[in-house]
């Protein structure tokens, strides 16, 4: 019986760690319905910013004019 008391503290840490891992995994498996796409305000803002960046790129990108066409062989 006294030998069991020596082993008990050595087993407490691994058993406790295993129990914590099991509880954490069990909590992560909850079936939660995903929110519908586009309902997140961050996603909406991100879409607006992407559109704005694309618009600015088209304004900044030089368009070939009549002078550029004459110079090319």
PDB file of N, CA and C in Angstrom:
ATOM      1  N   UNK A   1       0.816  -1.188   0.000  1.00  0.00           N
ATOM      2  CA  UNK A   1       0.000   0.000   0.000  1.00  0.00           C
ATOM      3  C   UNK A   1       0.863   1.256   0.000  1.00  0.00           C
ATOM      4  N   UNK A   2       1.971   1.224   0.711  1.00  0.00           N
ATOM      5  CA  UNK A   2       2.829   2.395   0.791  1.00  0.00           C
ATOM      6  C   UNK A   2       3.486   2.689  -0.564  1.00  0.00           C
ATOM      7  N   UNK A   3       3.716   1.623  -1.359  1.00  0.00           N
ATOM      8  CA  UNK A   3       4.292   1.843  -2.693  1.00  0.00           C
ATOM      9  C   UNK A   3       3.304   2.589  -3.588  1.00  0.00           C
ATOM     10  N   UNK A   4       2.027   2.335  -3.408  1.00  0.00           N
ATOM     11  CA  UNK A   4       0.998   3.020  -4.189  1.00  0.00           C
ATOM     12  C   UNK A   4       1.019   4.520  -3.912  1.00  0.00           C
ATOM     13  N   UNK A   5       1.282   4.892  -2.674  1.00  0.00           N
ATOM     14  CA  UNK A   5       1.336   6.302  -2.315  1.00  0.00           C
ATOM     15  C   UNK A   5       2.513   7.016  -2.984  1.00  0.00           C
ATOM     16  N   UNK A   6       3.594   6.291  -3.271  1.00  0.00           N
ATOM     17  CA  UNK A   6       4.724   6.890  -3.967  1.00  0.00           C
ATOM     18  C   UNK A   6       4.424   7.107  -5.450  1.00  0.00           C
ATOM     19  N   UNK A   7       3.641   6.220  -6.029  1.00  0.00           N
ATOM     20  CA  UNK A   7       3.325   6.289  -7.450  1.00  0.00           C
ATOM     21  C   UNK A   7       2.210   7.297  -7.706  1.00  0.00           C
ATOM     22  N   UNK A   8       1.354   7.512  -6.759  1.00  0.00           N
ATOM     23  CA  UNK A   8       0.203   8.404  -6.932  1.00  0.00           C
ATOM     24  C   UNK A   8       0.589   9.825  -7.345  1.00  0.00           C
ATOM     25  N   UNK A   9       1.547  10.488  -6.710  1.00  0.00           N
ATOM     26  CA  UNK A   9       1.916  11.828  -7.169  1.00  0.00           C
ATOM     27  C   UNK A   9       2.519  11.822  -8.580  1.00  0.00           C
ATOM     28  N   UNK A  10       3.227  10.766  -8.923  1.00  0.00           N
ATOM     29  CA  UNK A  10       3.833  10.683 -10.257  1.00  0.00           C
ATOM     30  C   UNK A  10       2.765  10.517 -11.328  1.00  0.00           C
ATOM     31  N   UNK A  11       1.651   9.898 -11.012  1.00  0.00           N
ATOM     32  CA  UNK A  11       0.577   9.700 -11.974  1.00  0.00           C
ATOM     33  C   UNK A  11      -0.405  10.868 -12.007  1.00  0.00           C
ATOM     34  N   UNK A  12      -0.386  11.691 -11.000  1.00  0.00           N
ATOM     35  CA  UNK A  12      -1.360  12.784 -10.927  1.00  0.00           C
ATOM     36  C   UNK A  12      -1.176  13.761 -12.087  1.00  0.00           C
ATOM     37  N   UNK A  13       0.046  14.087 -12.423  1.00  0.00           N
ATOM     38  CA  UNK A  13       0.290  15.058 -13.487  1.00  0.00           C
ATOM     39  C   UNK A  13      -0.154  14.526 -14.854  1.00  0.00           C
ATOM     40  N   UNK A  14       0.285  13.355 -15.306  1.00  0.00           N
ATOM     41  CA  UNK A  14      -0.137  12.878 -16.617  1.00  0.00           C
ATOM     42  C   UNK A  14      -1.643  12.616 -16.712  1.00  0.00           C
ATOM     43  N   UNK A  15      -2.225  12.102 -15.643  1.00  0.00           N
ATOM     44  CA  UNK A  15      -3.666  11.832 -15.664  1.00  0.00           C
ATOM     45  C   UNK A  15      -4.431  13.152 -15.706  1.00  0.00           C
ATOM     46  N   UNK A  16      -4.006  14.125 -14.932  1.00  0.00           N
ATOM     47  CA  UNK A  16      -4.658  15.432 -14.945  1.00  0.00           C
ATOM     48  C   UNK A  16      -4.516  16.110 -16.309  1.00  0.00           C
ATOM     49  N   UNK A  17      -3.340  15.994 -16.913  1.00  0.00           N
ATOM     50  CA  UNK A  17      -3.124  16.601 -18.221  1.00  0.00           C
ATOM     51  C   UNK A  17      -3.996  15.921 -19.277  1.00  0.00           C
ATOM     52  N   UNK A  18      -4.090  14.609 -19.206  1.00  0.00           N
ATOM     53  CA  UNK A  18      -4.952  13.879 -20.145  1.00  0.00           C
ATOM     54  C   UNK A  18      -6.412  14.277 -19.988  1.00  0.00           C
ATOM     55  N   UNK A  19      -6.850  14.440 -18.754  1.00  0.00           N
ATOM     56  CA  UNK A  19      -8.238  14.847 -18.515  1.00  0.00           C
ATOM     57  C   UNK A  19      -8.496  16.246 -19.051  1.00  0.00           C
ATOM     58  N   UNK A  20      -7.544  17.157 -18.869  1.00  0.00           N
ATOM     59  CA  UNK A  20      -7.725  18.514 -19.396  1.00  0.00           C
ATOM     60  C   UNK A  20      -7.793  18.508 -20.919  1.00  0.00           C
ATOM     61  N   UNK A  21      -6.929  17.724 -21.548  1.00  0.00           N
ATOM     62  CA  UNK A  21      -6.949  17.647 -23.010  1.00  0.00           C
ATOM     63  C   UNK A  21      -8.279  17.081 -23.499  1.00  0.00           C
ATOM     64  N   UNK A  22      -8.770  16.067 -22.804  1.00  0.00           N
ATOM     65  CA  UNK A  22     -10.032  15.450 -23.206  1.00  0.00           C
ATOM     66  C   UNK A  22     -11.187  16.448 -23.094  1.00  0.00           C
ATOM     67  N   UNK A  23     -11.223  17.209 -21.998  1.00  0.00           N
ATOM     68  CA  UNK A  23     -12.288  18.192 -21.826  1.00  0.00           C
ATOM     69  C   UNK A  23     -12.194  19.313 -22.859  1.00  0.00           C
ATOM     70  N   UNK A  24     -10.981  19.725 -23.206  1.00  0.00           N
ATOM     71  CA  UNK A  24     -10.817  20.783 -24.196  1.00  0.00           C
ATOM     72  C   UNK A  24     -11.252  20.301 -25.583  1.00  0.00           C
ATOM     73  N   UNK A  25     -10.920  19.066 -25.917  1.00  0.00           N
ATOM     74  CA  UNK A  25     -11.334  18.530 -27.213  1.00  0.00           C
ATOM     75  C   UNK A  25     -12.841  18.342 -27.261  1.00  0.00           C
ATOM     76  N   UNK A  26     -13.422  17.915 -26.168  1.00  0.00           N
ATOM     77  CA  UNK A  26     -14.863  17.712 -26.104  1.00  0.00           C
ATOM     78  C   UNK A  26     -15.593  19.039 -26.273  1.00  0.00           C
ATOM     79  N   UNK A  27     -15.088  20.116 -25.700  1.00  0.00           N
ATOM     80  CA  UNK A  27     -15.704  21.423 -25.829  1.00  0.00           C
ATOM     81  C   UNK A  27     -15.584  21.982 -27.237  1.00  0.00           C
ATOM     82  N   UNK A  28     -14.545  21.618 -27.985  1.00  0.00           N
ATOM     83  CA  UNK A  28     -14.344  22.114 -29.334  1.00  0.00           C
ATOM     84  C   UNK A  28     -15.211  21.436 -30.370  1.00  0.00           C
ATOM     85  N   UNK A  29     -15.847  20.336 -30.018  1.00  0.00           N
ATOM     86  CA  UNK A  29     -16.656  19.582 -30.977  1.00  0.00           C
ATOM     87  C   UNK A  29     -18.100  20.037 -31.048  1.00  0.00           C
ATOM     88  N   UNK A  30     -18.449  21.067 -30.354  1.00  0.00           N
ATOM     89  CA  UNK A  30     -19.838  21.523 -30.375  1.00  0.00           C
ATOM     90  C   UNK A  30     -20.224  21.891 -31.794  1.00  0.00           C
ATOM     91  N   UNK A  31     -21.339  21.386 -32.226  1.00  0.00           N
ATOM     92  CA  UNK A  31     -21.821  21.690 -33.569  1.00  0.00           C
ATOM     93  C   UNK A  31     -22.519  23.036 -33.546  1.00  0.00           C
ATOM     94  N   UNK A  32     -21.807  24.032 -33.946  1.00  0.00           N
ATOM     95  CA  UNK A  32     -22.374  25.368 -33.986  1.00  0.00           C
ATOM     96  C   UNK A  32     -22.647  25.698 -35.440  1.00  0.00           C
ATOM     97  N   UNK A  33     -23.803  26.251 -35.689  1.00  0.00           N
ATOM     98  CA  UNK A  33     -24.138  26.646 -37.046  1.00  0.00           C
ATOM     99  C   UNK A  33     -23.260  27.823 -37.440  1.00  0.00           C
ATOM    100  N   UNK A  34     -22.653  27.714 -38.608  1.00  0.00           N
ATOM    101  CA  UNK A  34     -21.802  28.789 -39.092  1.00  0.00           C
ATOM    102  C   UNK A  34     -22.675  29.969 -39.498  1.00  0.00           C
ATOM    103  N   UNK A  35     -22.236  31.169 -39.195  1.00  0.00           N
ATOM    104  CA  UNK A  35     -23.027  32.330 -39.596  1.00  0.00           C
ATOM    105  C   UNK A  35     -23.062  32.430 -41.119  1.00  0.00           C
ATOM    106  N   UNK A  36     -24.146  32.916 -41.666  1.00  0.00           N
ATOM    107  CA  UNK A  36     -24.230  33.008 -43.117  1.00  0.00           C
ATOM    108  C   UNK A  36     -23.146  33.914 -43.684  1.00  0.00           C
ATOM    109  N   UNK A  37     -22.695  33.576 -44.878  1.00  0.00           N
ATOM    110  CA  UNK A  37     -21.624  34.349 -45.508  1.00  0.00           C
ATOM    111  C   UNK A  37     -22.087  35.770 -45.765  1.00  0.00           C
ATOM    112  N   UNK A  38     -21.207  36.707 -45.516  1.00  0.00           N
ATOM    113  CA  UNK A  38     -21.522  38.104 -45.765  1.00  0.00           C
ATOM    114  C   UNK A  38     -22.169  38.806 -44.582  1.00  0.00           C
ATOM    115  N   UNK A  39     -22.475  38.093 -43.518  1.00  0.00           N
ATOM    116  CA  UNK A  39     -23.105  38.737 -42.377  1.00  0.00           C
ATOM    117  C   UNK A  39     -22.075  39.385 -41.454  1.00  0.00           C
ATOM    118  N   UNK A  40     -20.819  38.987 -41.601  1.00  0.00           N
ATOM    119  CA  UNK A  40     -19.770  39.545 -40.762  1.00  0.00           C
ATOM    120  C   UNK A  40     -19.428  40.953 -41.254  1.00  0.00           C
ATOM    121  N   UNK A  41     -19.541  41.962 -40.405  1.00  0.00           N
ATOM    122  CA  UNK A  41     -19.243  43.329 -40.856  1.00  0.00           C
ATOM    123  C   UNK A  41     -17.791  43.499 -41.300  1.00  0.00           C
ATOM    124  N   UNK A  42     -16.886  42.693 -40.733  1.00  0.00           N
ATOM    125  CA  UNK A  42     -15.487  42.784 -41.159  1.00  0.00           C
ATOM    126  C   UNK A  42     -15.328  42.323 -42.596  1.00  0.00           C
ATOM    127  N   UNK A  43     -16.070  41.275 -42.971  1.00  0.00           N
ATOM    128  CA  UNK A  43     -16.011  40.792 -44.353  1.00  0.00           C
ATOM    129  C   UNK A  43     -16.575  41.837 -45.309  1.00  0.00           C
ATOM    130  N   UNK A  44     -17.643  42.495 -44.916  1.00  0.00           N
ATOM    131  CA  UNK A  44     -18.232  43.528 -45.764  1.00  0.00           C
ATOM    132  C   UNK A  44     -17.264  44.691 -45.943  1.00  0.00           C
ATOM    133  N   UNK A  45     -16.610  45.101 -44.860  1.00  0.00           N
ATOM    134  CA  UNK A  45     -15.650  46.187 -44.957  1.00  0.00           C
ATOM    135  C   UNK A  45     -14.453  45.782 -45.803  1.00  0.00           C
ATOM    136  N   UNK A  46     -14.022  44.532 -45.663  1.00  0.00           N
ATOM    137  CA  UNK A  46     -12.911  44.035 -46.463  1.00  0.00           C
ATOM    138  C   UNK A  46     -13.256  44.046 -47.948  1.00  0.00           C
ATOM    139  N   UNK A  47     -14.476  43.662 -48.299  1.00  0.00           N
ATOM    140  CA  UNK A  47     -14.909  43.686 -49.693  1.00  0.00           C
ATOM    141  C   UNK A  47     -14.915  45.117 -50.236  1.00  0.00           C
ATOM    142  N   UNK A  48     -15.392  46.057 -49.428  1.00  0.00           N
ATOM    143  CA  UNK A  48     -15.394  47.460 -49.860  1.00  0.00           C
ATOM    144  C   UNK A  48     -13.970  47.976 -50.073  1.00  0.00           C
ATOM    145  N   UNK A  49     -13.069  47.620 -49.168  1.00  0.00           N
ATOM    146  CA  UNK A  49     -11.689  48.066 -49.304  1.00  0.00           C
ATOM    147  C   UNK A  49     -11.018  47.442 -50.524  1.00  0.00           C
ATOM    148  N   UNK A  50     -11.317  46.185 -50.803  1.00  0.00           N
ATOM    149  CA  UNK A  50     -10.755  45.542 -51.999  1.00  0.00           C
ATOM    150  C   UNK A  50     -11.246  46.231 -53.271  1.00  0.00           C
ATOM    151  N   UNK A  51     -12.513  46.588 -53.296  1.00  0.00           N
ATOM    152  CA  UNK A  51     -13.069  47.275 -54.463  1.00  0.00           C
ATOM    153  C   UNK A  51     -12.420  48.645 -54.628  1.00  0.00           C
ATOM    154  N   UNK A  52     -12.222  49.352 -53.506  1.00  0.00           N
ATOM    155  CA  UNK A  52     -11.599  50.659 -53.562  1.00  0.00           C
ATOM    156  C   UNK A  52     -10.158  50.563 -54.062  1.00  0.00           C
ATOM    157  N   UNK A  53      -9.420  49.561 -53.617  1.00  0.00           N
ATOM    158  CA  UNK A  53      -8.044  49.370 -54.071  1.00  0.00           C
ATOM    159  C   UNK A  53      -8.023  49.067 -55.567  1.00  0.00           C
ATOM    160  N   UNK A  54      -8.941  48.233 -56.025  1.00  0.00           N
ATOM    161  CA  UNK A  54      -8.996  47.917 -57.451  1.00  0.00           C
ATOM    162  C   UNK A  54      -9.318  49.163 -58.272  1.00  0.00           C
ATOM    163  N   UNK A  55     -10.229  50.004 -57.803  1.00  0.00           N
ATOM    164  CA  UNK A  55     -10.563  51.246 -58.506  1.00  0.00           C
ATOM    165  C   UNK A  55      -9.360  52.181 -58.560  1.00  0.00           C
ATOM    166  N   UNK A  56      -8.640  52.293 -57.450  1.00  0.00           N
ATOM    167  CA  UNK A  56      -7.463  53.167 -57.421  1.00  0.00           C
ATOM    168  C   UNK A  56      -6.361  52.650 -58.337  1.00  0.00           C
ATOM    169  N   UNK A  57      -6.216  51.335 -58.410  1.00  0.00           N
ATOM    170  CA  UNK A  57      -5.200  50.776 -59.303  1.00  0.00           C
ATOM    171  C   UNK A  57      -5.515  51.077 -60.764  1.00  0.00           C
ATOM    172  N   UNK A  58      -6.781  51.033 -61.139  1.00  0.00           N
ATOM    173  CA  UNK A  58      -7.128  51.343 -62.522  1.00  0.00           C
ATOM    174  C   UNK A  58      -6.893  52.810 -62.825  1.00  0.00           C
ATOM    175  N   UNK A  59      -7.063  53.680 -61.834  1.00  0.00           N
ATOM    176  CA  UNK A  59      -6.810  55.107 -62.050  1.00  0.00           C
ATOM    177  C   UNK A  59      -5.319  55.404 -62.153  1.00  0.00           C
ATOM    178  N   UNK A  60      -4.498  54.703 -61.392  1.00  0.00           N
ATOM    179  CA  UNK A  60      -3.069  54.970 -61.347  1.00  0.00           C
ATOM    180  C   UNK A  60      -2.333  54.297 -62.502  1.00  0.00           C
ATOM    181  N   UNK A  61      -2.782  53.162 -62.950  1.00  0.00           N
ATOM    182  CA  UNK A  61      -2.103  52.428 -64.013  1.00  0.00           C
ATOM    183  C   UNK A  61      -2.159  53.252 -65.293  1.00  0.00           C
ATOM    184  N   UNK A  62      -0.997  53.546 -65.886  1.00  0.00           N
ATOM    185  CA  UNK A  62      -1.005  54.356 -67.110  1.00  0.00           C
ATOM    186  C   UNK A  62      -1.639  53.584 -68.270  1.00  0.00           C
ATOM    187  N   UNK A  63      -2.522  54.265 -68.966  1.00  0.00           N
ATOM    188  CA  UNK A  63      -3.177  53.681 -70.135  1.00  0.00           C
ATOM    189  C   UNK A  63      -2.399  54.121 -71.377  1.00  0.00           C
ATOM    190  N   UNK A  64      -2.176  53.230 -72.330  1.00  0.00           N
ATOM    191  CA  UNK A  64      -1.450  53.629 -73.528  1.00  0.00           C
ATOM    192  C   UNK A  64      -2.258  54.646 -74.331  1.00  0.00           C
ATOM    193  N   UNK A  65      -1.625  55.784 -74.621  1.00  0.00           N
ATOM    194  CA  UNK A  65      -2.271  56.841 -75.390  1.00  0.00           C
ATOM    195  C   UNK A  65      -1.840  56.789 -76.849  1.00  0.00           C
ATOM    196  N   UNK A  66      -2.288  57.731 -77.649  1.00  0.00           N
ATOM    197  CA  UNK A  66      -1.917  57.744 -79.069  1.00  0.00           C
ATOM    198  C   UNK A  66      -0.419  57.931 -79.274  1.00  0.00           C
ATOM    199  N   UNK A  67       0.259  58.678 -78.385  1.00  0.00           N
ATOM    200  CA  UNK A  67       1.693  58.882 -78.531  1.00  0.00           C
ATOM    201  C   UNK A  67       2.436  57.564 -78.321  1.00  0.00           C
ATOM    202  N   UNK A  68       1.990  56.752 -77.381  1.00  0.00           N
ATOM    203  CA  UNK A  68       2.647  55.477 -77.102  1.00  0.00           C
ATOM    204  C   UNK A  68       2.486  54.525 -78.273  1.00  0.00           C
ATOM    205  N   UNK A  69       1.384  54.560 -78.941  1.00  0.00           N
ATOM    206  CA  UNK A  69       1.152  53.650 -80.047  1.00  0.00           C
ATOM    207  C   UNK A  69       2.054  53.986 -81.236  1.00  0.00           C
ATOM    208  N   UNK A  70       2.381  55.252 -81.438  1.00  0.00           N
ATOM    209  CA  UNK A  70       3.212  55.657 -82.576  1.00  0.00           C
ATOM    210  C   UNK A  70       4.669  55.271 -82.347  1.00  0.00           C
ATOM    211  N   UNK A  71       5.106  55.261 -81.095  1.00  0.00           N
ATOM    212  CA  UNK A  71       6.506  54.951 -80.800  1.00  0.00           C
ATOM    213  C   UNK A  71       6.824  53.467 -80.925  1.00  0.00           C
ATOM    214  N   UNK A  72       5.870  52.618 -80.742  1.00  0.00           N
ATOM    215  CA  UNK A  72       6.151  51.190 -80.788  1.00  0.00           C
ATOM    216  C   UNK A  72       6.343  50.745 -82.229  1.00  0.00           C
ATOM    217  N   UNK A  73       7.404  49.965 -82.514  1.00  0.00           N
ATOM    218  CA  UNK A  73       7.640  49.509 -83.892  1.00  0.00           C
ATOM    219  C   UNK A  73       6.680  48.466 -84.363  1.00  0.00           C
TER     220      UNK A  73
END
